[in-house]
N, C-alpha and C. Protein backbone atom coordinates (compact mmCIF):
# COMPACT_ATOMS: atom_id res chain seq x y z
N UNK A 1 11.81 30.18 -4.79
CA UNK A 1 10.65 30.21 -4.32
C UNK A 1 9.51 29.11 -4.37
N UNK A 2 9.25 28.20 -2.66
CA UNK A 2 8.45 27.44 -2.80
C UNK A 2 6.94 27.68 -3.38
N UNK A 3 5.96 27.50 -4.12
CA UNK A 3 4.79 27.21 -4.05
C UNK A 3 3.97 26.70 -3.58
N UNK A 4 4.51 25.55 -2.07
CA UNK A 4 3.91 24.96 -1.31
C UNK A 4 4.01 25.16 0.24
N UNK A 5 3.41 25.40 0.80
CA UNK A 5 3.45 24.97 2.27
C UNK A 5 2.85 23.68 3.02
N UNK A 6 3.98 22.59 3.05
CA UNK A 6 2.87 21.62 4.27
C UNK A 6 2.51 21.42 6.15
N UNK A 7 1.38 21.69 5.66
CA UNK A 7 1.04 21.70 7.16
C UNK A 7 0.76 19.92 7.81
N UNK A 8 0.85 19.66 9.25
CA UNK A 8 1.69 18.38 9.85
C UNK A 8 0.42 17.52 9.84
N UNK A 9 -0.52 18.21 9.89
CA UNK A 9 -2.11 17.73 9.67
C UNK A 9 -3.09 18.12 9.66
N UNK A 10 -4.24 17.06 9.10
CA UNK A 10 -4.94 18.20 8.96
C UNK A 10 -6.69 19.00 9.99
N UNK A 11 -5.22 18.66 11.84
CA UNK A 11 -6.11 19.60 12.38
C UNK A 11 -5.42 21.13 11.85
N UNK A 12 -4.01 21.09 11.90
CA UNK A 12 -3.74 22.23 11.49
C UNK A 12 -4.86 22.91 10.33
N UNK A 13 -4.83 22.21 9.27
CA UNK A 13 -4.87 22.47 8.23
C UNK A 13 -7.13 22.69 8.71
N UNK A 14 -7.63 22.67 8.87
CA UNK A 14 -8.72 22.84 9.95
C UNK A 14 -8.87 24.65 10.82
N UNK A 15 -7.86 24.52 11.35
CA UNK A 15 -7.39 25.68 12.50
C UNK A 15 -7.15 26.57 11.64
N UNK A 16 -6.18 26.44 10.04
CA UNK A 16 -6.37 27.57 9.67
C UNK A 16 -7.16 27.98 9.22
N UNK A 17 -8.37 26.92 8.41
CA UNK A 17 -8.87 27.46 7.46
C UNK A 17 -10.20 28.19 8.43
N UNK A 18 -10.03 27.91 9.97
CA UNK A 18 -11.71 29.00 10.84
C UNK A 18 -11.16 30.12 10.69
N UNK A 19 -9.37 29.81 10.91
CA UNK A 19 -9.22 31.68 11.52
C UNK A 19 -9.30 32.42 10.26
N UNK A 20 -8.90 32.11 8.83
CA UNK A 20 -9.25 32.52 7.92
C UNK A 20 -10.54 32.58 7.94
N UNK A 21 -11.20 32.55 8.03
CA UNK A 21 -12.79 32.10 8.01
C UNK A 21 -12.89 33.21 8.89
N UNK A 22 -13.02 33.58 9.81
CA UNK A 22 -13.04 34.70 10.88
C UNK A 22 -12.33 36.08 10.27
N UNK A 23 -11.51 35.84 9.65
CA UNK A 23 -10.85 37.18 9.50
C UNK A 23 -11.17 37.39 7.80
N UNK A 24 -12.19 36.57 7.00
CA UNK A 24 -12.63 37.38 6.09
C UNK A 24 -13.79 37.70 6.36
N UNK A 25 -14.17 37.04 7.16
CA UNK A 25 -15.37 38.30 7.45
C UNK A 25 -15.56 39.69 7.79
N UNK A 26 -14.69 39.76 8.36
CA UNK A 26 -14.18 41.08 9.24
C UNK A 26 -13.37 41.84 8.08
N UNK A 27 -12.06 41.12 7.39
CA UNK A 27 -11.68 42.60 6.11
C UNK A 27 -11.29 41.22 4.93
N UNK A 28 -12.40 41.33 4.24
CA UNK A 28 -12.47 40.72 3.33
C UNK A 28 -11.45 40.79 2.09
N UNK A 29 -10.33 40.54 2.61
CA UNK A 29 -9.20 40.38 1.41
C UNK A 29 -7.95 40.06 0.76
N UNK A 30 -6.66 40.56 2.63
CA UNK A 30 -5.50 39.59 1.87
C UNK A 30 -4.51 38.85 3.33
N UNK A 31 -3.77 38.30 2.42
CA UNK A 31 -3.50 37.62 4.36
C UNK A 31 -2.18 37.67 3.41
N UNK A 32 -0.80 37.09 5.16
CA UNK A 32 0.71 37.03 4.59
C UNK A 32 0.99 35.78 5.74
N UNK A 33 1.78 35.35 4.15
CA UNK A 33 2.21 33.84 4.87
C UNK A 33 3.28 34.31 5.20
N UNK A 34 4.06 34.06 5.83
CA UNK A 34 5.64 34.13 6.07
C UNK A 34 6.23 32.99 6.79
N UNK A 35 7.07 32.04 5.98
CA UNK A 35 7.53 30.31 6.10
C UNK A 35 9.59 30.68 6.36
N UNK A 36 9.58 29.99 7.60
CA UNK A 36 10.65 30.34 8.09
C UNK A 36 10.96 29.07 9.25
N UNK A 37 11.77 28.34 9.11
CA UNK A 37 12.57 27.56 10.49
C UNK A 37 10.96 26.56 10.58
N UNK A 38 10.62 26.36 9.85
CA UNK A 38 9.40 25.29 10.62
C UNK A 38 8.59 25.34 10.76
N UNK A 39 8.05 27.11 10.45
CA UNK A 39 7.08 27.21 11.12
C UNK A 39 6.34 28.26 10.45
N UNK A 40 4.79 28.65 9.78
CA UNK A 40 4.29 29.50 9.08
C UNK A 40 3.64 30.28 10.09
N UNK A 41 3.54 31.78 10.25
CA UNK A 41 3.51 32.51 10.51
C UNK A 41 2.02 33.39 9.62
N UNK A 42 0.92 33.68 10.01
CA UNK A 42 -0.02 33.86 9.33
C UNK A 42 -1.39 35.48 9.34
N UNK A 43 -0.73 36.22 8.99
CA UNK A 43 -1.01 37.68 9.20
C UNK A 43 -2.06 38.56 8.65
N UNK A 44 -2.81 38.99 9.49
CA UNK A 44 -4.44 39.28 8.65
C UNK A 44 -4.32 40.94 9.00
N UNK A 45 -4.97 41.32 8.78
CA UNK A 45 -5.48 42.99 8.87
C UNK A 45 -7.47 43.03 9.27
N UNK A 46 -6.88 43.86 10.59
CA UNK A 46 -8.39 43.93 11.24
C UNK A 46 -8.46 45.18 10.98
N UNK A 47 -8.33 46.33 10.77
CA UNK A 47 -7.82 47.59 10.91
C UNK A 47 -6.45 47.99 10.05
N UNK A 48 -7.04 49.31 9.42
CA UNK A 48 -5.90 50.22 8.80
C UNK A 48 -5.96 51.28 7.99
N UNK A 49 -5.17 52.13 7.90
CA UNK A 49 -5.37 53.33 7.86
C UNK A 49 -5.94 53.45 5.63
N UNK A 50 -7.38 53.85 6.01
CA UNK A 50 -6.87 54.40 4.01
C UNK A 50 -6.64 55.11 3.45
N UNK A 51 -6.11 55.95 4.45
CA UNK A 51 -5.41 56.91 3.66
C UNK A 51 -4.69 57.50 4.42
N UNK A 52 -3.46 58.97 3.82
CA UNK A 52 -3.07 59.49 4.80
C UNK A 52 -3.48 60.13 5.73
N UNK A 53 -5.06 60.45 5.57
CA UNK A 53 -5.77 61.02 6.76
C UNK A 53 -6.61 60.48 7.23
N UNK A 54 -6.77 58.81 7.40
CA UNK A 54 -7.54 58.39 9.00
C UNK A 54 -6.67 57.92 9.51
N UNK A 55 -6.97 58.24 10.46
CA UNK A 55 -6.07 58.11 12.07
C UNK A 55 -6.34 56.81 12.19
N UNK A 56 -6.60 55.85 11.85
CA UNK A 56 -6.85 54.10 12.28
C UNK A 56 -5.32 53.67 12.16
N UNK A 57 -5.37 53.32 14.02
CA UNK A 57 -4.05 52.04 14.15
C UNK A 57 -4.53 50.98 12.74
N UNK A 58 -3.48 50.41 13.07
CA UNK A 58 -2.88 49.30 12.72
C UNK A 58 -3.90 48.10 13.44
N UNK A 59 -3.95 47.77 12.62
CA UNK A 59 -4.64 46.10 14.05
C UNK A 59 -4.02 44.74 13.12
N UNK A 60 -3.71 44.01 13.27
CA UNK A 60 -3.35 42.66 12.74
C UNK A 60 -3.64 41.66 14.11
N UNK A 61 -3.86 40.82 13.24
CA UNK A 61 -4.07 39.46 13.49
C UNK A 61 -2.62 38.55 13.30
N UNK A 62 -2.82 38.06 13.78
CA UNK A 62 -1.52 36.75 14.12
C UNK A 62 -1.73 35.12 14.62
N UNK A 63 -1.40 34.52 13.73
CA UNK A 63 -1.51 32.99 14.67
C UNK A 63 -0.71 32.14 13.53
N UNK A 64 0.54 30.96 14.29
CA UNK A 64 1.36 30.33 13.26
C UNK A 64 1.21 29.07 13.88
N UNK A 65 1.86 28.60 12.86
CA UNK A 65 1.55 26.81 11.95
C UNK A 65 3.15 25.56 12.29
N UNK A 66 2.78 25.10 12.54
CA UNK A 66 4.29 24.11 12.26
C UNK A 66 3.97 23.41 11.26
N UNK A 67 4.93 24.14 10.70
CA UNK A 67 4.99 22.90 9.05
C UNK A 67 6.35 21.61 8.63
N UNK A 68 6.14 21.42 7.72
CA UNK A 68 7.26 19.85 8.11
C UNK A 68 8.28 20.20 7.60
N UNK A 69 8.24 21.35 6.62
CA UNK A 69 9.25 21.20 5.74
C UNK A 69 10.62 22.76 6.67
N UNK A 70 11.31 22.93 6.43
CA UNK A 70 11.65 23.92 6.67
C UNK A 70 12.21 25.64 5.38
N UNK A 71 11.02 25.09 4.71
CA UNK A 71 10.44 26.58 3.43
C UNK A 71 10.68 27.50 3.88
N UNK A 72 11.54 28.82 3.25
CA UNK A 72 11.07 30.20 3.52
C UNK A 72 10.33 30.76 2.60
N UNK A 73 9.30 31.85 2.54
CA UNK A 73 9.14 32.66 2.06
C UNK A 73 7.97 33.49 2.52
N UNK A 74 8.34 34.55 2.04
CA UNK A 74 7.20 35.84 2.23
C UNK A 74 6.18 36.40 0.88
N UNK A 75 4.48 35.76 1.19
CA UNK A 75 3.92 35.92 0.36
C UNK A 75 2.19 36.96 0.58
N UNK A 76 1.98 37.36 0.05
CA UNK A 76 0.85 38.37 0.42
C UNK A 76 -0.66 37.59 -1.10
N UNK A 77 -1.55 37.36 -0.20
CA UNK A 77 -2.62 36.10 -1.27
C UNK A 77 -3.98 36.29 -0.81
N UNK A 78 -4.86 36.04 -1.02
CA UNK A 78 -6.22 37.08 -1.25
C UNK A 78 -6.40 35.38 -0.37
N UNK A 79 -7.75 36.76 1.06
CA UNK A 79 -7.51 35.27 1.49
C UNK A 79 -8.82 34.39 1.04
N UNK A 80 -9.90 34.48 0.22
CA UNK A 80 -10.64 34.11 -0.29
C UNK A 80 -10.15 33.04 -1.26
N UNK A 81 -9.26 33.24 -1.44
CA UNK A 81 -8.46 32.58 -3.07
C UNK A 81 -8.00 30.66 -2.22
N UNK A 82 -7.53 31.51 -0.67
CA UNK A 82 -6.44 29.93 -0.16
C UNK A 82 -8.00 29.61 1.01
N UNK A 83 -8.52 30.21 1.26
CA UNK A 83 -10.00 29.06 1.86
C UNK A 83 -10.39 28.35 0.43
N UNK A 84 -10.91 28.94 -0.16
CA UNK A 84 -10.99 27.66 -1.21
C UNK A 84 -9.94 26.41 -1.84
N UNK A 85 -8.86 26.89 -1.26
CA UNK A 85 -8.18 26.14 -2.04
C UNK A 85 -7.99 25.06 0.10
N UNK A 86 -7.91 25.12 0.92
CA UNK A 86 -8.39 24.70 2.00
C UNK A 86 -9.68 23.61 2.35
N UNK A 87 -10.52 24.00 1.59
CA UNK A 87 -12.08 23.67 1.67
C UNK A 87 -11.81 22.23 0.08
N UNK A 88 -11.23 22.81 -0.62
CA UNK A 88 -10.48 21.78 -1.45
C UNK A 88 -9.86 20.16 -0.72
N UNK A 89 -8.94 20.66 -0.17
CA UNK A 89 -8.18 19.79 0.25
C UNK A 89 -9.29 19.06 1.38
N UNK A 90 -9.71 19.85 2.31
CA UNK A 90 -10.58 19.47 3.27
C UNK A 90 -11.43 18.09 3.32
N UNK A 91 -11.77 18.56 1.87
CA UNK A 91 -13.15 17.20 1.66
C UNK A 91 -12.25 16.27 0.97
N UNK A 92 -11.42 15.68 1.26
CA UNK A 92 -10.08 15.28 0.20
C UNK A 92 -8.81 14.38 1.32
N UNK A 93 -9.24 14.26 2.06
CA UNK A 93 -8.86 14.57 3.89
C UNK A 93 -8.97 12.50 3.71
N UNK A 94 -7.72 11.76 3.32
CA UNK A 94 -8.31 11.23 3.90
C UNK A 94 -7.88 9.62 5.19
N UNK A 95 -6.13 10.75 5.74
CA UNK A 95 -5.63 10.21 7.09
C UNK A 95 -5.79 11.78 8.04
N UNK A 96 -6.64 11.63 8.82
CA UNK A 96 -6.24 12.78 9.56
C UNK A 96 -4.93 13.11 9.84
N UNK A 97 -4.36 12.55 10.49
CA UNK A 97 -2.67 12.47 11.27
C UNK A 97 -1.41 12.65 10.14
N UNK A 98 -1.68 12.50 8.46
CA UNK A 98 -1.10 12.81 7.41
C UNK A 98 -0.68 14.20 7.76
N UNK A 99 0.08 14.38 7.19
CA UNK A 99 0.42 16.29 6.37
C UNK A 99 -0.01 16.30 5.23
N UNK A 100 -0.31 17.99 5.17
CA UNK A 100 -1.39 18.41 4.22
C UNK A 100 -0.84 19.10 3.73
N UNK A 101 -0.48 19.17 2.26
CA UNK A 101 0.44 20.15 1.45
C UNK A 101 -0.51 21.13 0.49
N UNK A 102 -0.55 22.56 0.89
CA UNK A 102 -1.25 23.53 0.61
C UNK A 102 -0.48 24.56 -0.60
N UNK A 103 -1.09 24.22 -1.77
CA UNK A 103 -0.91 25.46 -3.13
C UNK A 103 -0.83 26.80 -3.30
N UNK A 104 -0.25 27.90 -3.01
CA UNK A 104 -0.25 28.66 -3.40
C UNK A 104 -1.19 29.63 -3.99
N UNK A 105 -2.01 30.21 -3.88
CA UNK A 105 -2.44 31.15 -4.67
C UNK A 105 -1.29 32.73 -5.23
N UNK A 106 -2.00 32.92 -6.48
CA UNK A 106 -1.16 34.30 -6.94
C UNK A 106 -1.31 34.99 -5.79
N UNK A 107 -0.06 35.97 -6.15
CA UNK A 107 0.05 36.69 -5.19
C UNK A 107 -0.23 37.79 -5.15
N UNK A 108 -0.72 38.99 -4.58
CA UNK A 108 -0.94 40.01 -4.50
C UNK A 108 -0.17 40.80 -4.08
N UNK A 109 0.51 42.52 -4.17
CA UNK A 109 1.44 43.01 -4.56
C UNK A 109 0.85 44.77 -4.22
N UNK A 110 0.19 44.89 -4.15
CA UNK A 110 -0.64 46.19 -3.84
C UNK A 110 -1.23 46.14 -2.47
N UNK A 111 -1.11 45.62 -1.31
CA UNK A 111 -1.58 45.38 -0.23
C UNK A 111 -0.23 46.26 0.87
N UNK A 112 -1.06 47.46 1.42
CA UNK A 112 -0.33 48.56 2.24
C UNK A 112 0.61 47.35 3.07
N UNK A 113 -0.59 47.40 3.86
CA UNK A 113 -0.19 46.68 5.77
C UNK A 113 0.87 45.95 5.27
N UNK A 114 0.30 44.77 4.67
CA UNK A 114 1.34 43.69 4.66
C UNK A 114 3.16 44.14 4.57
N UNK A 115 3.02 45.54 4.45
CA UNK A 115 4.76 46.08 3.97
C UNK A 115 5.30 46.37 5.45
N UNK A 116 4.01 46.63 6.36
CA UNK A 116 4.03 46.98 8.09
C UNK A 116 4.60 45.11 8.99
N UNK A 117 6.21 45.28 8.99
CA UNK A 117 6.80 44.35 9.77
C UNK A 117 6.40 43.77 11.22
N UNK A 118 5.72 43.55 12.25
CA UNK A 118 5.80 43.89 13.52
C UNK A 118 7.63 43.52 14.22
N UNK A 119 7.85 43.84 15.16
CA UNK A 119 9.23 43.16 15.71
C UNK A 119 9.32 42.08 16.15
N UNK A 120 10.50 40.90 15.81
CA UNK A 120 10.49 39.70 16.43
C UNK A 120 11.07 39.70 17.99
N UNK A 121 11.19 40.73 18.52
CA UNK A 121 12.30 41.28 19.78
C UNK A 121 12.35 42.19 20.32
N UNK A 122 12.56 42.10 21.86
CA UNK A 122 12.81 43.33 22.23
C UNK A 122 11.29 44.02 22.81
N UNK A 123 10.67 42.51 22.87
CA UNK A 123 9.56 42.68 23.66
C UNK A 123 9.00 43.08 25.48
N UNK A 124 8.34 44.34 25.92
CA UNK A 124 8.80 44.50 27.25
C UNK A 124 7.28 43.88 27.88
N UNK A 125 6.98 43.48 28.18
CA UNK A 125 6.05 42.51 29.08
C UNK A 125 5.13 43.74 30.33
N UNK A 126 3.74 44.19 29.65
CA UNK A 126 3.26 44.68 30.70
C UNK A 126 2.19 44.26 31.64
N UNK A 127 1.61 45.16 32.85
CA UNK A 127 0.60 44.75 33.48
C UNK A 127 -0.60 43.64 32.40
N UNK A 128 -1.10 42.63 32.41
CA UNK A 128 -2.08 42.23 31.37
C UNK A 128 -3.75 42.74 31.56
N UNK A 129 -4.81 41.90 30.74
CA UNK A 129 -6.53 42.10 31.56
C UNK A 129 -7.01 40.78 30.49
N UNK A 130 -7.73 40.89 32.25
CA UNK A 130 -8.89 39.16 32.07
C UNK A 130 -9.48 39.69 30.24
N UNK A 131 -9.85 38.26 29.41
CA UNK A 131 -10.14 38.46 28.08
C UNK A 131 -11.86 39.31 28.58
N UNK A 132 -12.48 38.71 29.69
CA UNK A 132 -13.92 39.40 30.31
C UNK A 132 -14.08 40.97 29.62
N UNK A 133 -12.98 41.74 29.91
CA UNK A 133 -13.04 42.73 29.81
C UNK A 133 -12.74 43.22 28.42
N UNK A 134 -11.81 42.53 27.89
CA UNK A 134 -11.94 42.88 26.28
C UNK A 134 -12.93 42.59 25.08
N UNK A 135 -13.50 41.26 25.89
CA UNK A 135 -14.29 40.99 25.72
C UNK A 135 -16.01 42.17 25.04
N UNK A 136 -15.93 42.84 26.66
CA UNK A 136 -16.98 43.82 26.69
C UNK A 136 -16.52 45.28 25.91
N UNK A 137 -15.29 45.38 25.56
CA UNK A 137 -14.88 46.94 25.29
C UNK A 137 -15.17 46.17 23.49
N UNK A 138 -15.14 45.25 23.00
CA UNK A 138 -15.09 44.77 21.32
C UNK A 138 -16.82 44.94 21.19
N UNK A 139 -17.98 44.42 21.82
CA UNK A 139 -19.05 43.83 22.26
C UNK A 139 -19.98 45.69 22.50
N UNK A 140 -20.04 46.19 22.77
CA UNK A 140 -20.02 47.72 23.32
C UNK A 140 -19.57 48.76 22.23
N UNK A 141 -18.75 48.08 21.13
CA UNK A 141 -17.64 48.64 20.36
C UNK A 141 -18.64 48.26 18.30
N UNK A 142 -18.84 47.23 18.91
CA UNK A 142 -19.66 46.72 17.75
C UNK A 142 -20.94 47.67 17.58
N UNK A 143 -21.76 47.45 19.06
CA UNK A 143 -22.94 47.93 18.77
C UNK A 143 -22.85 49.93 18.26
N UNK A 144 -22.06 50.47 19.26
CA UNK A 144 -22.21 51.74 18.79
C UNK A 144 -22.17 51.98 16.86
N UNK A 145 -20.80 51.22 16.55
CA UNK A 145 -20.99 50.86 14.99
C UNK A 145 -21.83 50.99 14.86
N UNK A 146 -22.49 49.65 14.56
CA UNK A 146 -24.07 49.27 14.36
C UNK A 146 -24.96 50.46 14.18
N UNK A 147 -25.31 51.30 15.26
CA UNK A 147 -26.46 52.13 15.60
C UNK A 147 -25.61 53.49 14.70
N UNK A 148 -24.39 53.79 14.53
CA UNK A 148 -23.55 55.01 14.17
C UNK A 148 -23.88 54.78 12.44
N UNK A 149 -24.51 53.97 12.33
CA UNK A 149 -23.84 53.24 10.68
C UNK A 149 -25.14 52.83 10.14
N UNK A 150 -25.82 53.00 9.98
CA UNK A 150 -27.25 53.26 9.22
C UNK A 150 -27.23 52.64 7.53
N UNK A 151 -27.33 51.24 7.36
CA UNK A 151 -27.50 50.50 5.88
C UNK A 151 -28.08 52.10 4.52
N UNK A 152 -27.39 51.19 3.78
CA UNK A 152 -27.08 52.46 2.92
C UNK A 152 -26.57 53.76 3.17
N UNK A 153 -24.85 53.52 4.03
CA UNK A 153 -23.84 55.30 4.12
C UNK A 153 -22.88 54.61 3.81
N UNK A 154 -22.24 56.08 3.53
CA UNK A 154 -20.98 55.34 1.80
C UNK A 154 -20.18 55.36 2.92
N UNK A 155 -18.96 55.03 1.92
CA UNK A 155 -17.70 53.85 2.09
C UNK A 155 -16.82 55.56 3.22
N UNK A 156 -16.89 56.39 3.32
CA UNK A 156 -16.40 56.99 3.88
C UNK A 156 -17.25 57.96 4.89
N UNK A 157 -17.72 57.46 5.48
CA UNK A 157 -18.86 57.92 6.45
C UNK A 157 -18.61 56.32 7.68
N UNK A 158 -18.67 55.74 6.33
CA UNK A 158 -18.15 54.06 7.24
C UNK A 158 -17.15 54.13 7.75
N UNK A 159 -15.35 54.63 7.29
CA UNK A 159 -14.86 54.62 7.85
C UNK A 159 -14.40 55.43 8.73
N UNK A 160 -14.79 57.08 8.42
CA UNK A 160 -14.46 57.61 9.62
C UNK A 160 -15.36 56.99 11.13
N UNK A 161 -16.50 56.32 11.44
CA UNK A 161 -17.67 55.92 12.29
C UNK A 161 -16.18 54.89 12.86
N UNK A 162 -15.68 54.04 11.69
CA UNK A 162 -14.98 52.87 12.38
C UNK A 162 -13.47 53.61 12.90
N UNK A 163 -13.11 53.99 12.85
CA UNK A 163 -12.06 54.76 13.07
C UNK A 163 -12.02 55.39 14.45
N UNK A 164 -12.77 56.55 13.97
CA UNK A 164 -13.44 57.18 15.69
C UNK A 164 -13.58 55.87 16.82
N UNK A 165 -14.22 54.87 16.86
CA UNK A 165 -14.87 53.71 17.37
C UNK A 165 -13.41 53.45 17.94
N UNK A 166 -13.15 52.20 16.79
CA UNK A 166 -11.85 51.50 17.18
C UNK A 166 -11.06 52.24 17.33
N UNK A 167 -10.21 53.45 17.05
CA UNK A 167 -9.22 54.04 17.44
C UNK A 167 -9.10 54.88 19.19
N UNK A 168 -10.06 54.69 19.74
CA UNK A 168 -10.11 55.20 20.78
C UNK A 168 -9.42 54.48 21.78
N UNK A 169 -8.81 54.95 22.77
CA UNK A 169 -7.99 53.88 23.65
C UNK A 169 -8.63 53.40 24.65
N UNK A 170 -8.85 52.27 24.84
CA UNK A 170 -8.96 51.62 26.34
C UNK A 170 -8.86 51.54 27.78
N UNK A 171 -10.04 51.94 28.10
CA UNK A 171 -9.58 52.84 29.82
C UNK A 171 -9.36 51.98 30.59
N UNK A 172 -8.13 52.37 30.88
CA UNK A 172 -6.64 51.47 31.83
C UNK A 172 -5.80 51.08 31.29
N UNK A 173 -5.81 51.06 29.29
CA UNK A 173 -4.41 50.91 28.36
C UNK A 173 -4.71 52.04 27.79
N UNK A 174 -3.72 52.71 28.54
CA UNK A 174 -3.21 54.10 27.53
C UNK A 174 -2.83 53.82 26.07
N UNK A 175 -2.45 52.62 25.51
CA UNK A 175 -1.83 52.59 24.07
C UNK A 175 -2.35 51.72 23.60
N UNK A 176 -3.31 51.13 24.18
CA UNK A 176 -4.40 50.06 23.78
C UNK A 176 -5.06 50.90 22.73
N UNK A 177 -6.10 50.33 21.80
CA UNK A 177 -7.15 51.35 20.74
C UNK A 177 -7.97 49.87 21.50
N UNK A 178 -9.43 50.92 21.46
CA UNK A 178 -10.36 49.69 20.93
C UNK A 178 -10.50 48.52 20.06
N UNK A 179 -10.09 49.11 18.69
CA UNK A 179 -10.13 48.24 18.49
C UNK A 179 -8.74 46.58 18.34
N UNK A 180 -7.93 46.79 19.37
CA UNK A 180 -7.99 45.52 20.01
C UNK A 180 -8.62 44.53 19.94
N UNK A 181 -9.17 44.91 20.49
CA UNK A 181 -10.83 44.32 21.39
C UNK A 181 -11.24 44.18 19.97
N UNK A 182 -11.50 44.11 19.10
CA UNK A 182 -12.55 44.04 18.47
C UNK A 182 -11.89 42.87 17.81
N UNK A 183 -10.53 42.92 17.03
CA UNK A 183 -9.30 42.05 17.20
C UNK A 183 -9.54 40.65 17.10
N UNK A 184 -9.28 40.74 18.41
CA UNK A 184 -8.96 39.77 19.77
C UNK A 184 -10.50 38.73 19.55
N UNK A 185 -11.65 39.97 19.32
CA UNK A 185 -12.90 38.83 19.74
C UNK A 185 -13.64 38.19 17.81
N UNK A 186 -13.43 39.22 17.44
CA UNK A 186 -13.80 38.74 15.90
C UNK A 186 -12.34 37.35 15.48
N UNK A 187 -11.27 36.71 15.89
CA UNK A 187 -10.58 36.19 15.19
C UNK A 187 -10.63 35.36 16.00
N UNK A 188 -11.17 35.12 17.08
CA UNK A 188 -11.62 33.78 18.85
C UNK A 188 -10.61 33.59 19.63
N UNK A 189 -9.97 35.02 19.67
CA UNK A 189 -8.32 34.87 20.17
C UNK A 189 -9.43 34.59 22.14
N UNK A 190 -10.56 35.32 22.11
CA UNK A 190 -10.93 35.25 23.57
C UNK A 190 -11.77 34.30 24.57
N UNK A 191 -11.07 33.52 25.62
CA UNK A 191 -12.06 32.55 26.01
C UNK A 191 -12.29 32.74 27.64
N UNK A 192 -13.05 33.59 27.98
CA UNK A 192 -13.71 34.50 28.93
C UNK A 192 -12.65 35.00 29.53
N UNK A 193 -12.76 34.80 30.90
CA UNK A 193 -11.57 34.92 31.67
C UNK A 193 -10.45 34.79 31.59
N UNK A 194 -10.02 33.88 30.52
CA UNK A 194 -8.32 33.80 30.45
C UNK A 194 -7.87 35.20 30.27
N UNK A 195 -6.93 34.96 30.93
CA UNK A 195 -5.54 36.02 30.42
C UNK A 195 -5.42 36.45 29.21
N UNK A 196 -4.77 37.74 28.90
CA UNK A 196 -4.48 38.31 28.09
C UNK A 196 -3.26 39.26 28.43
N UNK A 197 -1.58 38.60 27.56
CA UNK A 197 -1.09 39.36 28.00
C UNK A 197 0.05 40.44 27.50
N UNK A 198 0.24 40.96 27.97
CA UNK A 198 0.77 42.44 27.12
C UNK A 198 2.06 42.73 26.95
N UNK A 199 1.93 43.11 25.48
CA UNK A 199 3.84 43.73 25.40
C UNK A 199 3.69 45.13 24.71
N UNK A 200 5.04 45.51 24.84
CA UNK A 200 4.93 46.59 24.29
C UNK A 200 6.62 46.76 23.39
N UNK A 201 6.88 46.97 22.29
CA UNK A 201 8.34 47.62 21.48
C UNK A 201 7.96 49.00 20.69
N UNK A 202 8.62 50.14 21.15
CA UNK A 202 8.34 50.67 20.17
C UNK A 202 6.95 51.71 20.30
N UNK A 203 6.10 51.60 18.91
CA UNK A 203 5.07 52.22 18.78
C UNK A 203 4.18 50.09 18.42
N UNK A 204 4.87 49.87 19.03
CA UNK A 204 3.62 48.66 18.38
C UNK A 204 3.43 47.56 20.10
N UNK A 205 2.28 47.34 20.51
CA UNK A 205 1.73 46.74 21.15
C UNK A 205 1.68 45.27 20.50
N UNK A 206 1.56 44.10 21.73
CA UNK A 206 1.56 42.95 21.38
C UNK A 206 0.14 42.41 22.24
N UNK A 207 -0.90 42.49 22.39
CA UNK A 207 -2.12 41.25 23.17
C UNK A 207 -1.49 39.85 22.66
N UNK A 208 -1.08 39.40 23.41
CA UNK A 208 -1.39 37.42 23.35
C UNK A 208 -2.32 36.68 24.33
N UNK A 209 -2.59 35.49 23.64
CA UNK A 209 -3.16 34.38 24.09
C UNK A 209 -3.20 33.08 24.15
N UNK A 210 -3.19 31.91 24.28
CA UNK A 210 -3.35 30.46 24.28
C UNK A 210 -3.95 30.18 22.60
N UNK A 211 -4.95 31.48 22.13
CA UNK A 211 -4.95 30.91 20.96
C UNK A 211 -4.65 32.06 19.83
N UNK A 212 -4.42 33.56 20.03
CA UNK A 212 -3.27 33.75 18.74
C UNK A 212 -2.82 34.92 19.52
N UNK A 213 -2.67 36.28 18.33
CA UNK A 213 -2.09 37.92 18.89
C UNK A 213 -3.09 38.20 18.52
N UNK A 214 -3.32 39.77 18.82
CA UNK A 214 -3.67 41.06 17.96
C UNK A 214 -2.23 41.89 18.11
N UNK A 215 -1.25 42.35 16.88
CA UNK A 215 -0.41 43.24 17.08
C UNK A 215 -1.32 44.82 16.72
N UNK A 216 -0.82 45.79 16.95
CA UNK A 216 -1.37 47.21 17.52
C UNK A 216 -0.12 47.65 16.92
N UNK A 217 -0.03 48.77 15.69
CA UNK A 217 1.39 49.75 15.79
C UNK A 217 0.03 51.60 15.44
N UNK A 218 0.76 51.66 16.74
CA UNK A 218 -0.01 53.56 16.78
C UNK A 218 0.42 54.39 15.32
N UNK A 219 -0.73 54.56 14.76
CA UNK A 219 -0.28 55.96 14.46
C UNK A 219 0.05 57.51 15.33
N UNK A 220 1.50 57.85 13.83
CA UNK A 220 2.82 58.91 15.21
C UNK A 220 1.86 59.60 15.98
N UNK A 221 0.41 60.38 15.62
CA UNK A 221 0.12 60.97 15.81
C UNK A 221 0.34 61.13 17.88
N UNK A 222 -0.44 59.47 17.79
CA UNK A 222 -0.67 59.32 18.47
C UNK A 222 0.26 58.81 19.76
N UNK A 223 1.24 59.04 19.50
CA UNK A 223 2.18 59.00 20.07
C UNK A 223 1.67 59.95 21.51
N UNK A 224 2.30 60.75 21.33
CA UNK A 224 2.10 62.42 22.23
C UNK A 224 0.84 61.79 23.36
N UNK A 225 0.19 61.01 23.72
CA UNK A 225 -0.98 60.86 24.28
C UNK A 225 -1.02 59.91 25.37
């Protein structure tokens, strides 16, 4: 397996750095990198169940980047370690148009959400929503979480509040939890009134904009709602 990947230029490097920086502020954990056919798919977790009794949906962010080669790999690495490598490369750029080779940090093998792979095909288009609607849902949820969780609150209570707020369905979008709006806003995928396209297959829902994708896997209990 390759221990490196090569982005097409420094602009792609900067985009990846910003994306992972946003992801790290939400969930300072790991990132899944899947390379193949000249494309790098970068998955991050915004929400995921903390245990069997946690009813939170799994909410992932996805951005893709063009590569200069067709190497294939599927790895999970720490977000912070990868960001440190990107920052060092950014400071050494001499030619902004030249490809940038990134070495992979040591892999992580205990990340439960990374074992869940969204389907590549079979998506059915649904009615979309404008970005301002999702932004309003996300900001209302952020305010609600901040109000419900005073400083010094225990981790179990924090997780329960987040699960309740972000697992709540968005009004008018029956199978889309508010956590999807939170992910789209936090990862920088929303652009005001730009349309957000919505697709569904099985227990999965995908919200897509020009800036990236949010993937939601509903818990089995929610399929009856």
